[in-house]
Protein backbone atom coordinates (compact mmCIF):
# COMPACT_ATOMS: atom_id res chain seq x y z
CA MET A 1 0.00 0.00 0.00
CA GLN A 2 2.79 2.36 0.95
CA ARG A 3 4.54 1.54 -2.38
CA ARG A 4 1.40 2.38 -4.39
CA THR A 5 0.98 5.61 -2.47
CA LEU A 6 4.61 6.52 -3.14
CA ILE A 7 4.21 5.80 -6.88
CA ARG A 8 1.05 7.91 -7.05
CA HIS A 9 2.77 10.72 -5.17
CA THR A 10 5.81 10.56 -7.47
CA LEU A 11 3.62 10.62 -10.61
CA ALA A 12 1.59 13.53 -9.26
CA THR A 13 4.75 15.47 -8.46
CA ALA A 14 6.23 14.79 -11.91
CA THR A 15 2.97 15.83 -13.61
CA ALA A 16 2.87 19.04 -11.61
CA LEU A 17 6.49 19.82 -12.44
CA LEU A 18 5.90 19.16 -16.15
CA ALA A 19 2.80 21.35 -16.17
CA GLY A 20 4.73 24.11 -14.45
CA ALA A 21 7.58 23.85 -16.94
CA LEU A 22 5.19 23.98 -19.88
CA ALA A 23 3.46 27.01 -18.41
CA THR A 24 6.73 28.90 -18.44
CA LEU A 25 7.38 28.22 -22.13
CA PRO A 26 6.24 30.68 -24.78
CA ALA A 27 2.99 29.67 -26.47
CA ALA A 28 4.90 29.21 -29.72
CA ALA A 29 7.22 26.63 -28.14
CA GLN A 30 4.21 24.61 -26.97
CA GLY A 31 2.94 24.30 -30.51
CA SER A 32 -0.18 26.34 -29.75
CA TRP A 33 0.86 29.57 -31.52
CA PRO A 34 -1.06 31.54 -32.46
CA THR A 35 -3.65 31.47 -29.72
CA ALA A 36 -6.57 33.85 -29.34
CA LYS A 37 -4.09 36.44 -28.09
CA VAL A 38 -3.81 39.65 -30.15
CA ILE A 39 -0.73 40.20 -32.33
CA THR A 40 0.53 43.78 -32.17
CA TYR A 41 1.98 45.19 -35.40
CA VAL A 42 4.11 48.15 -34.31
CA VAL A 43 4.46 50.92 -36.89
CA PRO A 44 7.27 53.27 -35.78
CA PHE A 45 5.87 56.18 -37.80
CA ALA A 46 2.73 58.30 -37.80
CA PRO A 47 -0.42 57.09 -39.60
CA GLY A 48 -0.61 57.76 -43.32
CA GLY A 49 2.94 57.03 -44.44
CA ASN A 50 4.13 54.08 -46.50
CA THR A 51 5.01 51.91 -43.48
CA ASP A 52 1.59 52.49 -41.92
CA THR A 53 -0.27 51.96 -45.21
CA LEU A 54 1.53 48.66 -45.83
CA ALA A 55 0.83 47.48 -42.28
CA ARG A 56 -2.88 48.21 -42.73
CA LEU A 57 -2.85 46.26 -46.00
CA ILE A 58 -1.15 43.24 -44.42
CA ALA A 59 -2.77 43.13 -40.97
CA PRO A 60 -6.32 42.02 -41.94
CA ALA A 61 -5.06 39.28 -44.28
CA LEU A 62 -2.53 38.10 -41.69
CA ALA A 63 -5.23 38.00 -39.01
CA SER A 64 -7.42 35.88 -41.28
CA ALA A 65 -4.56 33.50 -42.11
CA LEU A 66 -3.57 33.03 -38.45
CA GLY A 67 -7.06 33.05 -36.96
CA THR A 68 -6.31 35.83 -34.49
CA GLN A 69 -6.46 39.61 -34.24
CA VAL A 70 -3.65 41.81 -35.60
CA VAL A 71 -3.81 45.40 -34.36
CA ILE A 72 -1.72 48.35 -35.54
CA ASP A 73 0.15 50.36 -32.89
CA ASN A 74 1.68 53.61 -34.19
CA LYS A 75 4.66 54.73 -32.10
CA ALA A 76 6.29 57.56 -34.03
CA GLY A 77 9.45 59.50 -33.24
CA ALA A 78 13.15 59.86 -34.08
CA GLY A 79 12.93 58.45 -37.58
CA GLY A 80 11.36 55.20 -36.44
CA SER A 81 13.63 54.69 -33.43
CA VAL A 82 11.00 55.19 -30.69
CA GLY A 83 8.67 52.47 -31.95
CA SER A 84 11.52 50.15 -32.87
CA ALA A 85 12.98 50.41 -29.35
CA ALA A 86 9.56 49.61 -27.87
CA ALA A 87 9.21 46.55 -30.12
CA ALA A 88 12.72 45.38 -29.23
CA ARG A 89 11.70 45.35 -25.54
CA ALA A 90 8.53 43.32 -26.16
CA PRO A 91 8.39 39.62 -25.23
CA ALA A 92 9.78 37.34 -27.93
CA ASP A 93 6.61 35.24 -28.00
CA GLY A 94 5.37 35.84 -31.54
CA PHE A 95 2.78 38.40 -30.52
CA THR A 96 4.75 41.53 -31.48
CA ILE A 97 5.95 42.34 -34.99
CA LEU A 98 7.41 45.56 -36.35
CA GLY A 99 7.41 47.44 -39.63
CA GLY A 100 11.08 48.29 -40.09
CA THR A 101 12.61 50.52 -42.76
CA ILE A 102 15.91 51.66 -44.20
CA SER A 103 15.84 54.45 -41.60
CA SER A 104 14.93 52.53 -38.47
CA HIS A 105 16.97 49.43 -39.29
CA SER A 106 20.10 50.64 -41.06
CA ILE A 107 20.58 54.43 -40.91
CA ASN A 108 19.55 55.61 -37.43
CA VAL A 109 22.15 53.65 -35.47
CA SER A 110 24.91 55.73 -37.10
CA LEU A 111 22.92 58.95 -37.45
CA TYR A 112 21.81 59.81 -33.91
CA THR A 113 24.24 61.17 -31.34
CA ASN A 114 22.25 59.63 -28.46
CA PRO A 115 21.71 55.84 -28.21
CA ILE A 116 18.55 54.77 -30.05
CA GLY A 117 17.68 52.05 -27.54
CA TYR A 118 18.23 48.98 -29.74
CA ASP A 119 20.67 47.32 -32.07
CA PRO A 120 19.09 47.18 -35.54
CA VAL A 121 20.53 43.71 -36.16
CA LYS A 122 20.96 42.04 -32.76
CA SER A 123 17.65 43.22 -31.27
CA PHE A 124 15.46 41.65 -33.96
CA GLU A 125 14.64 38.56 -35.97
CA PRO A 126 14.15 39.37 -39.67
CA ILE A 127 10.82 38.06 -40.97
CA ALA A 128 10.07 39.44 -44.42
CA MET A 129 11.24 42.06 -46.89
CA LEU A 130 8.10 43.61 -48.38
CA GLY A 131 9.78 45.61 -51.11
CA SER A 132 12.26 48.30 -52.02
CA GLY A 133 11.56 51.56 -53.76
CA PRO A 134 14.23 53.33 -55.79
CA LEU A 135 14.41 57.09 -55.61
CA VAL A 136 14.33 59.43 -58.57
CA LEU A 137 16.74 62.34 -58.98
CA ALA A 138 14.62 65.19 -60.34
CA VAL A 139 15.22 68.81 -61.34
CA PRO A 140 12.79 71.55 -62.43
CA ALA A 141 11.73 71.36 -66.07
CA SER A 142 13.34 74.78 -66.59
CA SER A 143 16.71 73.51 -65.30
CA PRO A 144 19.61 73.43 -67.77
CA TYR A 145 20.67 70.01 -66.39
CA LYS A 146 19.57 67.07 -68.51
CA THR A 147 21.96 64.29 -67.46
CA LEU A 148 23.74 63.13 -64.31
CA ASN A 149 27.03 64.39 -65.75
CA ASP A 150 25.44 67.85 -66.15
CA VAL A 151 24.42 67.78 -62.49
CA LEU A 152 27.86 66.66 -61.29
CA ALA A 153 29.73 69.19 -63.45
CA ALA A 154 27.48 72.06 -62.33
CA SER A 155 27.79 71.10 -58.67
CA LYS A 156 31.58 71.10 -58.98
CA ALA A 157 31.53 74.49 -60.67
CA LYS A 158 29.11 76.05 -58.17
CA ASN A 159 30.65 74.39 -55.09
CA GLY A 160 27.47 72.48 -54.39
CA LEU A 161 24.07 72.47 -56.05
CA THR A 162 21.22 72.68 -53.53
CA SER A 163 19.44 69.38 -52.91
CA ALA A 164 16.11 69.29 -51.06
CA SER A 165 14.97 66.45 -48.78
CA PRO A 166 12.15 65.70 -46.31
CA GLY A 167 14.65 65.94 -43.44
CA VAL A 168 18.05 64.95 -42.06
CA GLY A 169 18.63 61.20 -42.25
CA THR A 170 15.74 60.47 -44.61
CA SER A 171 16.38 58.25 -47.62
CA PRO A 172 16.35 61.24 -50.06
CA HIS A 173 19.02 62.91 -47.93
CA MET A 174 21.04 59.69 -47.76
CA ALA A 175 20.80 59.22 -51.54
CA MET A 176 22.38 62.65 -52.01
CA GLU A 177 25.11 61.82 -49.49
CA LEU A 178 25.80 58.46 -51.15
CA LEU A 179 26.18 60.18 -54.52
CA ALA A 180 28.53 62.74 -52.96
CA HIS A 181 30.51 59.98 -51.24
CA GLN A 182 30.94 57.93 -54.40
CA THR A 183 31.71 60.81 -56.77
CA GLY A 184 33.60 63.19 -54.48
CA VAL A 185 31.23 65.98 -55.59
CA LYS A 186 29.84 68.33 -52.96
CA PHE A 187 26.13 69.15 -52.67
CA THR A 188 24.35 71.56 -50.33
CA HIS A 189 21.65 69.77 -48.35
CA VAL A 190 18.41 71.72 -47.77
CA PRO A 191 16.19 69.81 -45.30
CA TYR A 192 12.42 70.44 -45.10
CA ARG A 193 9.65 69.21 -42.83
CA GLY A 194 8.42 66.59 -45.26
CA SER A 195 8.40 65.89 -48.97
CA GLY A 196 5.45 68.20 -49.70
CA PRO A 197 7.14 71.53 -49.00
CA ALA A 198 10.42 70.27 -50.49
CA VAL A 199 8.73 69.44 -53.79
CA GLN A 200 6.97 72.81 -53.86
CA ASP A 201 10.29 74.63 -53.61
CA LEU A 202 11.78 72.35 -56.26
CA LEU A 203 8.87 73.17 -58.58
CA GLY A 204 9.39 76.85 -57.87
CA GLY A 205 13.11 76.68 -58.61
CA GLN A 206 14.18 77.62 -55.07
CA VAL A 207 16.36 74.48 -54.98
CA ASP A 208 18.30 72.81 -57.78
CA MET A 209 17.49 69.13 -57.33
CA MET A 210 15.87 66.50 -55.16
CA PHE A 211 15.82 62.75 -54.66
CA ASP A 212 12.46 61.22 -53.74
CA THR A 213 10.19 58.30 -54.54
CA ALA A 214 8.28 57.95 -57.80
CA LEU A 215 5.12 58.35 -55.72
CA ILE A 216 6.22 61.87 -54.74
CA VAL A 217 7.92 63.23 -57.87
CA GLY A 218 6.36 60.98 -60.51
CA PRO A 219 3.15 62.98 -61.05
CA HIS A 220 5.16 66.19 -61.55
CA ILE A 221 7.46 64.41 -64.01
CA GLN A 222 4.44 63.16 -65.95
CA SER A 223 2.91 66.66 -65.99
CA GLY A 224 6.16 68.08 -67.39
CA ARG A 225 6.93 70.33 -64.42
CA LEU A 226 9.92 68.24 -63.30
CA ARG A 227 12.59 66.39 -65.28
CA ALA A 228 13.85 62.97 -64.21
CA ILE A 229 17.64 62.69 -64.36
CA ALA A 230 18.25 59.15 -63.03
CA VAL A 231 16.98 56.49 -60.63
CA THR A 232 18.93 55.07 -57.70
CA SER A 233 18.21 51.35 -58.23
CA SER A 234 20.33 48.89 -60.20
CA LYS A 235 17.47 48.43 -62.68
CA ARG A 236 15.27 50.98 -64.42
CA LEU A 237 11.78 51.68 -63.12
CA GLU A 238 8.95 50.06 -65.07
CA SER A 239 7.03 53.34 -64.86
CA MET A 240 10.01 55.34 -66.21
CA PRO A 241 11.71 53.03 -68.73
CA ASP A 242 13.51 55.91 -70.48
CA VAL A 243 15.19 57.18 -67.31
CA PRO A 244 18.67 55.66 -66.78
CA THR A 245 19.97 54.34 -63.49
CA ILE A 246 22.77 56.26 -61.77
CA ALA A 247 25.00 53.23 -62.44
CA GLU A 248 24.17 53.41 -66.15
CA ALA A 249 24.90 57.12 -66.09
CA GLY A 250 28.48 56.42 -65.07
CA GLN A 251 28.54 55.69 -61.32
CA ARG A 252 29.05 51.93 -61.31
CA GLY A 253 27.93 50.10 -58.22
CA PHE A 254 25.46 52.77 -57.15
CA ASP A 255 22.38 50.99 -55.84
CA MET A 256 19.94 52.31 -53.29
CA GLY A 257 16.33 51.63 -52.40
CA SER A 258 14.05 52.87 -49.65
CA TRP A 259 12.96 49.50 -48.26
CA GLN A 260 10.16 48.22 -46.05
CA ALA A 261 10.40 45.01 -44.01
CA VAL A 262 8.88 43.16 -41.05
CA PHE A 263 10.82 42.14 -37.93
CA ALA A 264 10.15 40.49 -34.55
CA PRO A 265 11.97 40.84 -31.21
CA ALA A 266 15.20 38.82 -30.98
CA GLY A 267 14.60 35.35 -29.65
CA THR A 268 11.22 34.86 -31.28
CA PRO A 269 11.05 31.09 -31.99
CA LYS A 270 12.10 30.06 -35.49
CA PRO A 271 8.84 28.17 -36.20
CA VAL A 272 6.95 31.39 -35.54
CA VAL A 273 9.29 33.44 -37.74
CA ASP A 274 8.95 30.87 -40.52
CA ARG A 275 5.15 30.84 -40.26
CA LEU A 276 4.96 34.64 -40.28
CA HIS A 277 7.30 34.80 -43.25
CA ALA A 278 5.26 32.27 -45.21
CA GLU A 279 1.94 34.00 -44.52
CA ILE A 280 3.26 37.51 -45.23
CA MET A 281 4.85 36.36 -48.49
CA LYS A 282 1.49 34.89 -49.56
CA ILE A 283 -0.13 38.25 -48.84
CA VAL A 284 2.57 40.21 -50.69
CA ALA A 285 2.06 37.93 -53.70
CA THR A 286 -1.64 38.83 -54.03
CA PRO A 287 -2.53 41.09 -56.97
CA ASP A 288 -3.92 43.82 -54.70
CA VAL A 289 -0.77 44.16 -52.59
CA GLN A 290 1.48 43.85 -55.65
CA ALA A 291 -0.43 46.69 -57.28
CA ARG A 292 -0.22 48.83 -54.16
CA LEU A 293 3.52 48.26 -53.80
CA LYS A 294 4.09 49.18 -57.43
CA GLY A 295 1.87 52.23 -56.88
CA PHE A 296 4.31 53.31 -54.17
CA GLY A 297 7.12 52.91 -56.70
CA MET A 298 8.33 49.79 -54.89
CA VAL A 299 9.56 46.48 -56.26
CA PRO A 300 8.07 43.54 -54.28
CA SER A 301 10.61 41.21 -52.69
CA THR A 302 10.90 37.44 -52.21
CA MET A 303 13.85 37.47 -49.76
CA THR A 304 14.02 34.75 -47.12
CA PRO A 305 14.51 35.80 -43.48
CA ALA A 306 18.20 34.82 -43.75
CA GLU A 307 18.63 36.88 -46.94
CA LEU A 308 16.94 39.86 -45.31
CA GLY A 309 19.30 39.54 -42.35
CA GLN A 310 22.37 39.56 -44.59
CA TYR A 311 21.03 42.45 -46.67
CA GLN A 312 20.32 44.47 -43.54
CA LYS A 313 23.84 43.94 -42.16
CA ALA A 314 25.28 45.20 -45.46
CA GLU A 315 22.97 48.23 -45.33
CA VAL A 316 24.06 49.10 -41.77
CA ALA A 317 27.72 48.98 -42.83
CA LYS A 318 27.12 51.01 -46.01
CA TRP A 319 25.27 53.84 -44.30
CA ALA A 320 27.71 53.92 -41.38
CA GLU A 321 30.49 54.64 -43.88
CA VAL A 322 28.49 57.32 -45.71
CA ILE A 323 27.33 59.05 -42.52
CA LYS A 324 30.84 59.06 -41.02
CA ALA A 325 32.38 60.46 -44.20
CA ALA A 326 29.76 63.21 -44.41
CA GLY A 327 29.90 63.99 -40.69
CA ILE A 328 26.11 63.85 -40.36
CA LYS A 329 24.54 63.77 -36.93
CA ALA A 330 20.97 64.10 -35.68
CA GLU A 331 19.88 64.83 -32.12
């Protein structure tokens, strides 16, 4: 009798210990992810921008695929750093994902004088690259500059043509700095509070040139008020087949895109990352999302999480070199 009691007691103790151990594991590790718990999709920018718009395209389809809620949480500030830092601190349980960009996940770590609160590579698990949008170098239609060589020669002669951007550290600003770094030609950066006022001054001839997305400058190029000089990608834009790339125009190796991706906090279980990647890639492949990405002037991506991780590391190194050479700092 005592032996049976001891066996029952031992089994009960073992069962209790196993239940306790399982309770401490993330839901994903127990094979029950996703549960009814809400997935938070952090957007580190204000509503209305490309990152927010893409998140709102993806979230409903992702919720349907996973059988759970996906809610958008906008946490704007410091070029995407505030929201990214918050996401990096979230539990690595598969219930927080983040819309990361070229700014938040490659530029900011070298740009800001104060720590941004996360490591763009070590603090996250790469999930999916959504797409990359080349920028267009544009000048007013009345400008005498018709080619990239015209722009470079004039900037040398004038000790720096003025180049507008939506702000310090933005991708249009970085495109200008990358061109300066690779050619040794000086430009005078003129930052604005957004692309809208920058384009208005470009149209009015108050500034000489500007890099920005096809979504921003494309309509003015089509109307004949701006002239496209070159695009920053390694391939020509489908919507502007007659506009050469900067590499084609003589600057070999020049390749830049303003990219959008999805990340999770470091330590998120691989099965969860793989499932999220697979579902998001299915969504990106749908005609509606493909059309929206192309409408933003972006080229949809099929990168694996590992490929995104390698690409991001290369981007961090590239922009660190450019920012150091230009001596750019943001508070």
